[in-house]
């Protein structure tokens, strides 16, 4: 899973925000590019 998330981050589809705390906290969000792809997948689901 980690490698897939890193690939998506490298492709500019998601943004990874790491918080320096114990235990580590990471939040992933879609980038503008990711949001555009989400629209495509939503249409494909229909």
PDB file of N, CA and C in Angstrom:
ATOM      1  N   UNK A   1       0.829  -1.185   0.000  1.00  0.00           N
ATOM      2  CA  UNK A   1       0.000   0.000   0.000  1.00  0.00           C
ATOM      3  C   UNK A   1       0.876   1.253   0.000  1.00  0.00           C
ATOM      4  N   UNK A   2       1.920   1.231   0.784  1.00  0.00           N
ATOM      5  CA  UNK A   2       2.796   2.399   0.858  1.00  0.00           C
ATOM      6  C   UNK A   2       3.411   2.714  -0.494  1.00  0.00           C
ATOM      7  N   UNK A   3       3.837   1.686  -1.212  1.00  0.00           N
ATOM      8  CA  UNK A   3       4.458   1.939  -2.510  1.00  0.00           C
ATOM      9  C   UNK A   3       3.448   2.520  -3.496  1.00  0.00           C
ATOM     10  N   UNK A   4       2.205   2.063  -3.435  1.00  0.00           N
ATOM     11  CA  UNK A   4       1.158   2.592  -4.329  1.00  0.00           C
ATOM     12  C   UNK A   4       0.875   4.057  -3.999  1.00  0.00           C
ATOM     13  N   UNK A   5       0.813   4.389  -2.718  1.00  0.00           N
ATOM     14  CA  UNK A   5       0.592   5.781  -2.316  1.00  0.00           C
ATOM     15  C   UNK A   5       1.745   6.670  -2.775  1.00  0.00           C
ATOM     16  N   UNK A   6       2.963   6.167  -2.674  1.00  0.00           N
ATOM     17  CA  UNK A   6       4.124   6.938  -3.128  1.00  0.00           C
ATOM     18  C   UNK A   6       4.067   7.163  -4.633  1.00  0.00           C
ATOM     19  N   UNK A   7       3.637   6.149  -5.382  1.00  0.00           N
ATOM     20  CA  UNK A   7       3.487   6.300  -6.832  1.00  0.00           C
ATOM     21  C   UNK A   7       2.468   7.385  -7.164  1.00  0.00           C
ATOM     22  N   UNK A   8       1.340   7.357  -6.468  1.00  0.00           N
ATOM     23  CA  UNK A   8       0.307   8.369  -6.704  1.00  0.00           C
ATOM     24  C   UNK A   8       0.819   9.761  -6.348  1.00  0.00           C
ATOM     25  N   UNK A   9       1.606   9.842  -5.290  1.00  0.00           N
ATOM     26  CA  UNK A   9       2.195  11.128  -4.903  1.00  0.00           C
ATOM     27  C   UNK A   9       3.189  11.600  -5.966  1.00  0.00           C
ATOM     28  N   UNK A  10       4.025  10.698  -6.442  1.00  0.00           N
ATOM     29  CA  UNK A  10       5.007  11.052  -7.484  1.00  0.00           C
ATOM     30  C   UNK A  10       4.333  11.461  -8.782  1.00  0.00           C
ATOM     31  N   UNK A  11       3.164  10.902  -9.051  1.00  0.00           N
ATOM     32  CA  UNK A  11       2.415  11.235 -10.266  1.00  0.00           C
ATOM     33  C   UNK A  11       1.589  12.510 -10.111  1.00  0.00           C
ATOM     34  N   UNK A  12       1.594  13.093  -8.911  1.00  0.00           N
ATOM     35  CA  UNK A  12       0.881  14.346  -8.686  1.00  0.00           C
ATOM     36  C   UNK A  12      -0.613  14.174  -8.499  1.00  0.00           C
ATOM     37  N   UNK A  13      -1.053  12.970  -8.128  1.00  0.00           N
ATOM     38  CA  UNK A  13      -2.477  12.699  -7.957  1.00  0.00           C
ATOM     39  C   UNK A  13      -2.924  12.923  -6.516  1.00  0.00           C
ATOM     40  N   UNK A  14      -2.028  12.643  -5.577  1.00  0.00           N
ATOM     41  CA  UNK A  14      -2.339  12.885  -4.169  1.00  0.00           C
ATOM     42  C   UNK A  14      -1.242  13.738  -3.545  1.00  0.00           C
ATOM     43  N   UNK A  15      -1.593  14.381  -2.446  1.00  0.00           N
ATOM     44  CA  UNK A  15      -0.649  15.173  -1.655  1.00  0.00           C
ATOM     45  C   UNK A  15      -0.517  14.490  -0.298  1.00  0.00           C
ATOM     46  N   UNK A  16       0.699  14.331   0.158  1.00  0.00           N
ATOM     47  CA  UNK A  16       0.972  13.674   1.437  1.00  0.00           C
ATOM     48  C   UNK A  16       1.444  14.720   2.434  1.00  0.00           C
ATOM     49  N   UNK A  17       0.759  14.790   3.567  1.00  0.00           N
ATOM     50  CA  UNK A  17       1.146  15.727   4.622  1.00  0.00           C
ATOM     51  C   UNK A  17       1.500  14.922   5.860  1.00  0.00           C
ATOM     52  N   UNK A  18       2.744  15.044   6.303  1.00  0.00           N
ATOM     53  CA  UNK A  18       3.248  14.298   7.445  1.00  0.00           C
ATOM     54  C   UNK A  18       3.328  15.222   8.655  1.00  0.00           C
ATOM     55  N   UNK A  19       2.784  14.757   9.768  1.00  0.00           N
ATOM     56  CA  UNK A  19       2.824  15.519  11.010  1.00  0.00           C
ATOM     57  C   UNK A  19       3.855  14.880  11.936  1.00  0.00           C
ATOM     58  N   UNK A  20       4.765  15.687  12.432  1.00  0.00           N
ATOM     59  CA  UNK A  20       5.831  15.199  13.309  1.00  0.00           C
ATOM     60  C   UNK A  20       5.283  15.004  14.712  1.00  0.00           C
ATOM     61  N   UNK A  21       4.748  13.830  14.943  1.00  0.00           N
ATOM     62  CA  UNK A  21       4.225  13.486  16.260  1.00  0.00           C
ATOM     63  C   UNK A  21       4.366  11.990  16.456  1.00  0.00           C
ATOM     64  N   UNK A  22       4.192  11.547  17.666  1.00  0.00           N
ATOM     65  CA  UNK A  22       4.263  10.122  17.968  1.00  0.00           C
ATOM     66  C   UNK A  22       2.910   9.677  18.464  1.00  0.00           C
ATOM     67  N   UNK A  23       2.278   8.695  17.838  1.00  0.00           N
ATOM     68  CA  UNK A  23       2.721   8.037  16.612  1.00  0.00           C
ATOM     69  C   UNK A  23       2.570   8.973  15.414  1.00  0.00           C
ATOM     70  N   UNK A  24       3.301   8.662  14.352  1.00  0.00           N
ATOM     71  CA  UNK A  24       3.289   9.505  13.151  1.00  0.00           C
ATOM     72  C   UNK A  24       1.876   9.602  12.580  1.00  0.00           C
ATOM     73  N   UNK A  25       1.566  10.760  12.067  1.00  0.00           N
ATOM     74  CA  UNK A  25       0.256  10.996  11.461  1.00  0.00           C
ATOM     75  C   UNK A  25       0.476  11.489  10.038  1.00  0.00           C
ATOM     76  N   UNK A  26      -0.205  10.854   9.089  1.00  0.00           N
ATOM     77  CA  UNK A  26      -0.092  11.225   7.686  1.00  0.00           C
ATOM     78  C   UNK A  26      -1.499  11.415   7.130  1.00  0.00           C
ATOM     79  N   UNK A  27      -1.691  12.503   6.399  1.00  0.00           N
ATOM     80  CA  UNK A  27      -2.971  12.762   5.750  1.00  0.00           C
ATOM     81  C   UNK A  27      -2.729  12.859   4.249  1.00  0.00           C
ATOM     82  N   UNK A  28      -3.529  12.100   3.490  1.00  0.00           N
ATOM     83  CA  UNK A  28      -3.452  12.130   2.038  1.00  0.00           C
ATOM     84  C   UNK A  28      -4.693  12.838   1.510  1.00  0.00           C
ATOM     85  N   UNK A  29      -4.481  13.751   0.567  1.00  0.00           N
ATOM     86  CA  UNK A  29      -5.596  14.436  -0.083  1.00  0.00           C
ATOM     87  C   UNK A  29      -5.366  14.429  -1.587  1.00  0.00           C
ATOM     88  N   UNK A  30      -6.455  14.537  -2.326  1.00  0.00           N
ATOM     89  CA  UNK A  30      -6.344  14.602  -3.771  1.00  0.00           C
ATOM     90  C   UNK A  30      -5.846  15.976  -4.194  1.00  0.00           C
ATOM     91  N   UNK A  31      -4.980  15.996  -5.183  1.00  0.00           N
ATOM     92  CA  UNK A  31      -4.540  17.248  -5.783  1.00  0.00           C
ATOM     93  C   UNK A  31      -5.592  17.662  -6.815  1.00  0.00           C
ATOM     94  N   UNK A  32      -5.376  18.783  -7.458  1.00  0.00           N
ATOM     95  CA  UNK A  32      -6.289  19.220  -8.522  1.00  0.00           C
ATOM     96  C   UNK A  32      -6.341  18.167  -9.635  1.00  0.00           C
ATOM     97  N   UNK A  33      -5.189  17.616  -9.964  1.00  0.00           N
ATOM     98  CA  UNK A  33      -5.121  16.549 -10.965  1.00  0.00           C
ATOM     99  C   UNK A  33      -5.919  15.322 -10.502  1.00  0.00           C
ATOM    100  N   UNK A  34      -5.803  14.979  -9.232  1.00  0.00           N
ATOM    101  CA  UNK A  34      -6.541  13.851  -8.677  1.00  0.00           C
ATOM    102  C   UNK A  34      -8.041  14.080  -8.694  1.00  0.00           C
ATOM    103  N   UNK A  35      -8.455  15.304  -8.416  1.00  0.00           N
ATOM    104  CA  UNK A  35      -9.885  15.639  -8.450  1.00  0.00           C
ATOM    105  C   UNK A  35     -10.450  15.464  -9.857  1.00  0.00           C
ATOM    106  N   UNK A  36      -9.657  15.850 -10.863  1.00  0.00           N
ATOM    107  CA  UNK A  36     -10.107  15.686 -12.252  1.00  0.00           C
ATOM    108  C   UNK A  36     -10.271  14.207 -12.584  1.00  0.00           C
ATOM    109  N   UNK A  37      -9.347  13.388 -12.122  1.00  0.00           N
ATOM    110  CA  UNK A  37      -9.448  11.943 -12.365  1.00  0.00           C
ATOM    111  C   UNK A  37     -10.644  11.345 -11.634  1.00  0.00           C
ATOM    112  N   UNK A  38     -10.953  11.875 -10.477  1.00  0.00           N
ATOM    113  CA  UNK A  38     -12.106  11.385  -9.711  1.00  0.00           C
ATOM    114  C   UNK A  38     -13.388  11.562 -10.516  1.00  0.00           C
ATOM    115  N   UNK A  39     -13.502  12.690 -11.192  1.00  0.00           N
ATOM    116  CA  UNK A  39     -14.681  12.934 -12.026  1.00  0.00           C
ATOM    117  C   UNK A  39     -14.801  11.890 -13.132  1.00  0.00           C
ATOM    118  N   UNK A  40     -13.674  11.523 -13.725  1.00  0.00           N
ATOM    119  CA  UNK A  40     -13.672  10.505 -14.781  1.00  0.00           C
ATOM    120  C   UNK A  40     -14.134   9.163 -14.214  1.00  0.00           C
ATOM    121  N   UNK A  41     -13.605   8.780 -13.078  1.00  0.00           N
ATOM    122  CA  UNK A  41     -13.983   7.497 -12.478  1.00  0.00           C
ATOM    123  C   UNK A  41     -15.443   7.492 -12.022  1.00  0.00           C
ATOM    124  N   UNK A  42     -15.930   8.625 -11.560  1.00  0.00           N
ATOM    125  CA  UNK A  42     -17.339   8.712 -11.182  1.00  0.00           C
ATOM    126  C   UNK A  42     -18.225   8.458 -12.395  1.00  0.00           C
ATOM    127  N   UNK A  43     -17.842   8.989 -13.541  1.00  0.00           N
ATOM    128  CA  UNK A  43     -18.617   8.763 -14.766  1.00  0.00           C
ATOM    129  C   UNK A  43     -18.536   7.305 -15.202  1.00  0.00           C
ATOM    130  N   UNK A  44     -17.379   6.707 -15.075  1.00  0.00           N
ATOM    131  CA  UNK A  44     -17.224   5.294 -15.443  1.00  0.00           C
ATOM    132  C   UNK A  44     -18.083   4.390 -14.554  1.00  0.00           C
ATOM    133  N   UNK A  45     -18.241   4.758 -13.297  1.00  0.00           N
ATOM    134  CA  UNK A  45     -19.070   3.961 -12.384  1.00  0.00           C
ATOM    135  C   UNK A  45     -20.522   3.950 -12.820  1.00  0.00           C
ATOM    136  N   UNK A  46     -20.978   5.046 -13.422  1.00  0.00           N
ATOM    137  CA  UNK A  46     -22.373   5.157 -13.863  1.00  0.00           C
ATOM    138  C   UNK A  46     -22.610   4.164 -14.983  1.00  0.00           C
TER     139      UNK A  46
END
